[in-house]
Amino acid sequence: MNITAFSHATRFFSYKLKIVDLANSYNQGIPPAGYPERIHRVPAMNIPIIHCSTCGSKVNTEIPPGDHRPRQVCPSCGQVHYLNPKLVVGSLPVWEDKVLLCRRAIEPRLGFWTLPAGFMEADETLAEAACRETFEEACANIELQGLYTLVNIPHINQVHVIYRARLLDTGFHPGEESLETRLFSEQEIPWDEIAFRSISLSLRNFFEDRRRGSFTQREETLLPGTAHLP
């Protein structure tokens, strides 16, 4: 490695460490000196970009030519950084009249129940992401039965996508991010222990549609809530 490459690598590594420190400070409710104030605990993805991921220089907030929104722009290399929404993709697996839920082994919402879901990877389709996350979190084999709920959550820059799915067998068991996996009837759902509002919404829609005998693809938008995130 030549001196220039080593310098860039060292600068980038220092930048990554600084971002981790910034994330920890924001999530503890302690805005770092010289950076924007955040009062509430926020997901790391909502923390503004501070340093350029290309060259490591501190960025400015400005409206680039031809744009209409403030962006983080690097004054050194000109790189414009965009904060785009993250896709969370999962499934609603069904066996007979019961739904498969996972009890979370990680934060946020450690110990609460959820559908198997997670962040979509860069090299996969929505369907592939749903199947992968279901297998990773519940070691469950499924057959997708169509896109079911799309939940916009603009205040945390996320879109949650849930597929209806049929369990192919009952050989499921907890993956690394789950403490427990279990089938629940509608009457058994622990509504007060569901991790996220998007999951509660998807489950309630599912049981309502099942009673009607017709499943309709739904799009919803969640505003900031206080009961639990998001």
Protein backbone atom coordinates (compact mmCIF):
# COMPACT_ATOMS: atom_id res chain seq x y z
CA MET A 1 0.00 0.00 0.00
CA ASN A 2 1.46 3.36 -1.01
CA ILE A 3 1.51 6.41 1.28
CA THR A 4 -1.53 8.04 -0.36
CA ALA A 5 -3.65 4.90 -0.12
CA PHE A 6 -2.56 4.35 3.48
CA SER A 7 -3.49 7.93 4.35
CA HIS A 8 -6.96 7.54 2.81
CA ALA A 9 -7.51 4.19 4.57
CA THR A 10 -6.45 5.62 7.94
CA ARG A 11 -8.69 8.65 7.47
CA PHE A 12 -11.66 6.50 6.49
CA PHE A 13 -11.16 4.16 9.48
CA SER A 14 -11.04 7.15 11.83
CA TYR A 15 -14.21 8.45 10.20
CA LYS A 16 -16.02 5.12 10.81
CA LEU A 17 -15.01 5.14 14.48
CA LYS A 18 -16.22 8.72 14.83
CA ILE A 19 -19.61 7.83 13.33
CA VAL A 20 -20.01 5.02 15.88
CA ASP A 21 -19.22 7.47 18.70
CA LEU A 22 -21.71 9.98 17.29
CA ALA A 23 -24.43 7.33 17.03
CA ASN A 24 -23.88 6.29 20.64
CA SER A 25 -24.03 9.90 21.83
CA TYR A 26 -27.25 10.66 19.95
CA ASN A 27 -28.94 7.46 21.13
CA GLN A 28 -28.07 8.31 24.74
CA GLY A 29 -29.73 11.71 24.28
CA ILE A 30 -26.43 13.62 24.50
CA PRO A 31 -25.90 15.68 21.32
CA PRO A 32 -22.14 15.92 20.58
CA ALA A 33 -20.66 19.41 20.81
CA GLY A 34 -20.77 21.21 17.47
CA TYR A 35 -23.38 18.89 15.92
CA PRO A 36 -27.18 19.19 15.45
CA GLU A 37 -29.25 18.68 18.59
CA ARG A 38 -31.50 15.65 18.88
CA ILE A 39 -33.76 15.48 21.93
CA HIS A 40 -35.24 12.01 21.57
CA ARG A 41 -33.60 8.63 21.15
CA VAL A 42 -33.39 8.05 17.39
CA PRO A 43 -32.35 5.17 15.13
CA ALA A 44 -28.77 5.49 13.87
CA MET A 45 -30.01 5.77 10.28
CA ASN A 46 -31.68 9.10 11.16
CA ILE A 47 -28.44 10.67 12.35
CA PRO A 48 -27.33 13.18 9.71
CA ILE A 49 -24.24 12.43 7.63
CA ILE A 50 -21.30 14.28 9.19
CA HIS A 51 -18.33 13.23 7.07
CA CYS A 52 -18.01 12.36 3.39
CA SER A 53 -17.92 8.60 2.78
CA THR A 54 -15.72 9.22 -0.28
CA CYS A 55 -12.91 11.38 1.14
CA GLY A 56 -13.69 11.79 4.85
CA SER A 57 -14.06 15.57 4.82
CA LYS A 58 -16.74 17.22 6.95
CA VAL A 59 -19.82 17.92 4.82
CA ASN A 60 -21.97 21.03 4.52
CA THR A 61 -25.76 21.15 4.41
CA GLU A 62 -26.93 23.00 1.29
CA ILE A 63 -29.30 22.74 -1.65
CA PRO A 64 -27.34 21.43 -4.67
CA PRO A 65 -27.92 23.03 -8.09
CA GLY A 66 -31.05 21.60 -9.70
CA ASP A 67 -32.31 20.20 -6.39
CA HIS A 68 -34.99 21.54 -4.04
CA ARG A 69 -34.06 19.92 -0.74
CA PRO A 70 -31.11 20.41 1.63
CA ARG A 71 -28.48 17.69 1.23
CA GLN A 72 -25.14 16.88 2.82
CA VAL A 73 -22.56 18.03 0.26
CA CYS A 74 -18.82 17.54 0.50
CA PRO A 75 -16.96 20.82 -0.15
CA SER A 76 -13.75 18.91 -0.95
CA CYS A 77 -14.79 16.35 -3.58
CA GLY A 78 -18.33 17.54 -4.43
CA GLN A 79 -20.02 14.27 -3.43
CA VAL A 80 -23.73 14.72 -2.64
CA HIS A 81 -25.01 12.38 0.07
CA TYR A 82 -28.66 11.31 -0.02
CA LEU A 83 -30.61 9.90 2.93
CA ASN A 84 -32.89 7.36 1.26
CA PRO A 85 -35.47 5.17 3.02
CA LYS A 86 -34.55 1.66 4.12
CA LEU A 87 -36.68 -1.33 3.10
CA VAL A 88 -37.67 -3.78 5.82
CA VAL A 89 -39.06 -6.97 4.27
CA GLY A 90 -40.63 -10.00 5.88
CA SER A 91 -43.41 -12.55 5.82
CA LEU A 92 -46.57 -13.54 7.64
CA PRO A 93 -46.18 -17.34 7.73
CA VAL A 94 -49.33 -19.42 8.32
CA TRP A 95 -49.78 -23.03 9.34
CA GLU A 96 -53.43 -24.15 9.33
CA ASP A 97 -55.19 -21.39 11.36
CA LYS A 98 -52.07 -20.14 13.16
CA VAL A 99 -49.42 -17.50 12.49
CA LEU A 100 -45.70 -17.91 13.16
CA LEU A 101 -44.12 -15.24 15.37
CA CYS A 102 -40.56 -14.76 16.62
CA ARG A 103 -39.54 -13.36 20.00
CA ARG A 104 -36.68 -10.95 19.43
CA ALA A 105 -33.22 -11.72 20.86
CA ILE A 106 -31.82 -8.30 19.93
CA GLU A 107 -32.60 -4.64 20.39
CA PRO A 108 -34.69 -2.74 19.57
CA ARG A 109 -37.61 -4.35 21.41
CA LEU A 110 -35.66 -7.25 22.90
CA GLY A 111 -38.01 -9.95 24.15
CA PHE A 112 -41.02 -8.75 22.15
CA TRP A 113 -42.81 -10.72 19.44
CA THR A 114 -42.68 -9.93 15.73
CA LEU A 115 -43.07 -11.40 12.28
CA PRO A 116 -39.79 -12.57 10.71
CA ALA A 117 -38.47 -9.51 8.85
CA GLY A 118 -35.37 -7.42 8.37
CA PHE A 119 -33.46 -5.06 6.12
CA MET A 120 -33.33 -5.92 2.43
CA GLU A 121 -29.86 -6.58 1.01
CA ALA A 122 -28.50 -4.77 -2.05
CA ASP A 123 -28.37 -7.83 -4.30
CA GLU A 124 -31.81 -9.37 -3.79
CA THR A 125 -35.46 -8.98 -4.76
CA LEU A 126 -38.27 -8.26 -2.30
CA ALA A 127 -39.37 -11.91 -2.45
CA GLU A 128 -35.83 -13.16 -1.88
CA ALA A 129 -35.45 -10.83 1.11
CA ALA A 130 -38.71 -12.09 2.65
CA CYS A 131 -37.67 -15.73 2.32
CA ARG A 132 -34.12 -15.09 3.57
CA GLU A 133 -35.25 -13.15 6.63
CA THR A 134 -37.85 -15.80 7.47
CA PHE A 135 -35.22 -18.52 7.34
CA GLU A 136 -32.62 -16.48 9.26
CA GLU A 137 -34.97 -15.55 12.10
CA ALA A 138 -37.18 -18.64 12.29
CA CYS A 139 -35.36 -21.32 10.24
CA ALA A 140 -38.69 -21.71 8.47
CA ASN A 141 -39.36 -22.87 4.93
CA ILE A 142 -42.15 -20.91 3.29
CA GLU A 143 -44.04 -20.42 0.05
CA LEU A 144 -44.91 -16.80 -0.62
CA GLN A 145 -48.54 -16.10 -1.45
CA GLY A 146 -48.30 -12.50 -2.57
CA LEU A 147 -47.38 -9.03 -1.38
CA TYR A 148 -49.72 -8.13 1.47
CA THR A 149 -48.93 -4.95 3.41
CA LEU A 150 -46.77 -1.97 2.54
CA VAL A 151 -46.32 0.39 5.49
CA ASN A 152 -44.75 3.82 5.00
CA ILE A 153 -42.98 5.12 8.12
CA PRO A 154 -41.52 8.45 6.94
CA HIS A 155 -40.42 9.72 10.37
CA ILE A 156 -37.79 6.95 10.60
CA ASN A 157 -37.07 6.75 6.84
CA GLN A 158 -38.36 3.20 6.47
CA VAL A 159 -40.85 1.26 4.37
CA HIS A 160 -42.03 -2.11 5.74
CA VAL A 161 -43.16 -4.76 3.26
CA ILE A 162 -44.84 -7.98 4.41
CA TYR A 163 -45.78 -10.99 2.26
CA ARG A 164 -48.42 -13.54 3.08
CA ALA A 165 -46.80 -16.96 3.22
CA ARG A 166 -47.58 -20.64 3.77
CA LEU A 167 -45.35 -22.68 6.04
CA LEU A 168 -44.16 -25.79 4.21
CA ASP A 169 -43.48 -27.73 7.42
CA THR A 170 -43.30 -27.30 11.19
CA GLY A 171 -39.55 -27.75 11.47
CA PHE A 172 -39.03 -24.08 12.35
CA HIS A 173 -36.90 -23.06 15.34
CA PRO A 174 -35.23 -19.85 16.59
CA GLY A 175 -32.45 -18.34 14.51
CA GLU A 176 -29.62 -16.26 15.98
CA GLU A 177 -31.80 -13.15 16.32
CA SER A 178 -34.74 -14.93 17.96
CA LEU A 179 -35.26 -16.22 21.49
CA GLU A 180 -38.32 -18.27 20.61
CA THR A 181 -40.53 -19.16 17.65
CA ARG A 182 -44.14 -20.19 18.09
CA LEU A 183 -47.44 -20.62 16.26
CA PHE A 184 -50.30 -18.42 17.54
CA SER A 185 -54.02 -18.52 16.86
CA GLU A 186 -55.76 -15.15 16.66
CA GLN A 187 -57.00 -15.55 20.24
CA GLU A 188 -53.46 -16.29 21.47
CA ILE A 189 -51.69 -13.29 19.91
CA PRO A 190 -49.91 -11.32 22.70
CA TRP A 191 -50.99 -7.93 21.38
CA ASP A 192 -49.36 -5.99 24.22
CA GLU A 193 -46.06 -7.71 23.49
CA ILE A 194 -45.86 -7.10 19.73
CA ALA A 195 -42.61 -5.29 18.95
CA PHE A 196 -43.68 -2.80 16.26
CA ARG A 197 -46.85 -1.03 15.13
CA SER A 198 -46.31 -2.11 11.52
CA ILE A 199 -46.43 -5.74 12.66
CA SER A 200 -49.57 -5.22 14.75
CA LEU A 201 -51.18 -3.52 11.76
CA SER A 202 -50.27 -6.38 9.41
CA LEU A 203 -51.59 -9.01 11.83
CA ARG A 204 -54.88 -7.18 12.47
CA ASN A 205 -55.39 -6.72 8.73
CA PHE A 206 -54.68 -10.41 8.15
CA PHE A 207 -57.22 -11.67 10.68
CA GLU A 208 -59.81 -9.19 9.44
CA ASP A 209 -59.30 -10.26 5.83
CA ARG A 210 -59.38 -13.94 6.78
CA ARG A 211 -62.78 -13.48 8.43
CA ARG A 212 -64.01 -11.76 5.25
CA GLY A 213 -62.61 -14.57 3.14
CA SER A 214 -60.66 -12.22 0.87
CA PHE A 215 -57.12 -10.86 1.15
CA THR A 216 -56.51 -7.37 -0.19
CA GLN A 217 -53.10 -5.80 -0.72
CA ARG A 218 -52.88 -2.82 1.62
CA GLU A 219 -50.81 0.35 1.83
CA GLU A 220 -50.70 2.26 5.11
CA THR A 221 -48.78 5.20 6.58
CA LEU A 222 -47.79 5.37 10.25
CA LEU A 223 -47.25 8.68 12.01
CA PRO A 224 -44.97 9.02 15.05
CA GLY A 225 -46.31 7.00 17.96
CA THR A 226 -45.58 6.82 21.66
CA ALA A 227 -46.57 3.25 22.53
CA HIS A 228 -43.62 1.61 20.81
CA LEU A 229 -41.45 2.15 17.77
CA PRO A 230 -41.79 2.74 14.95
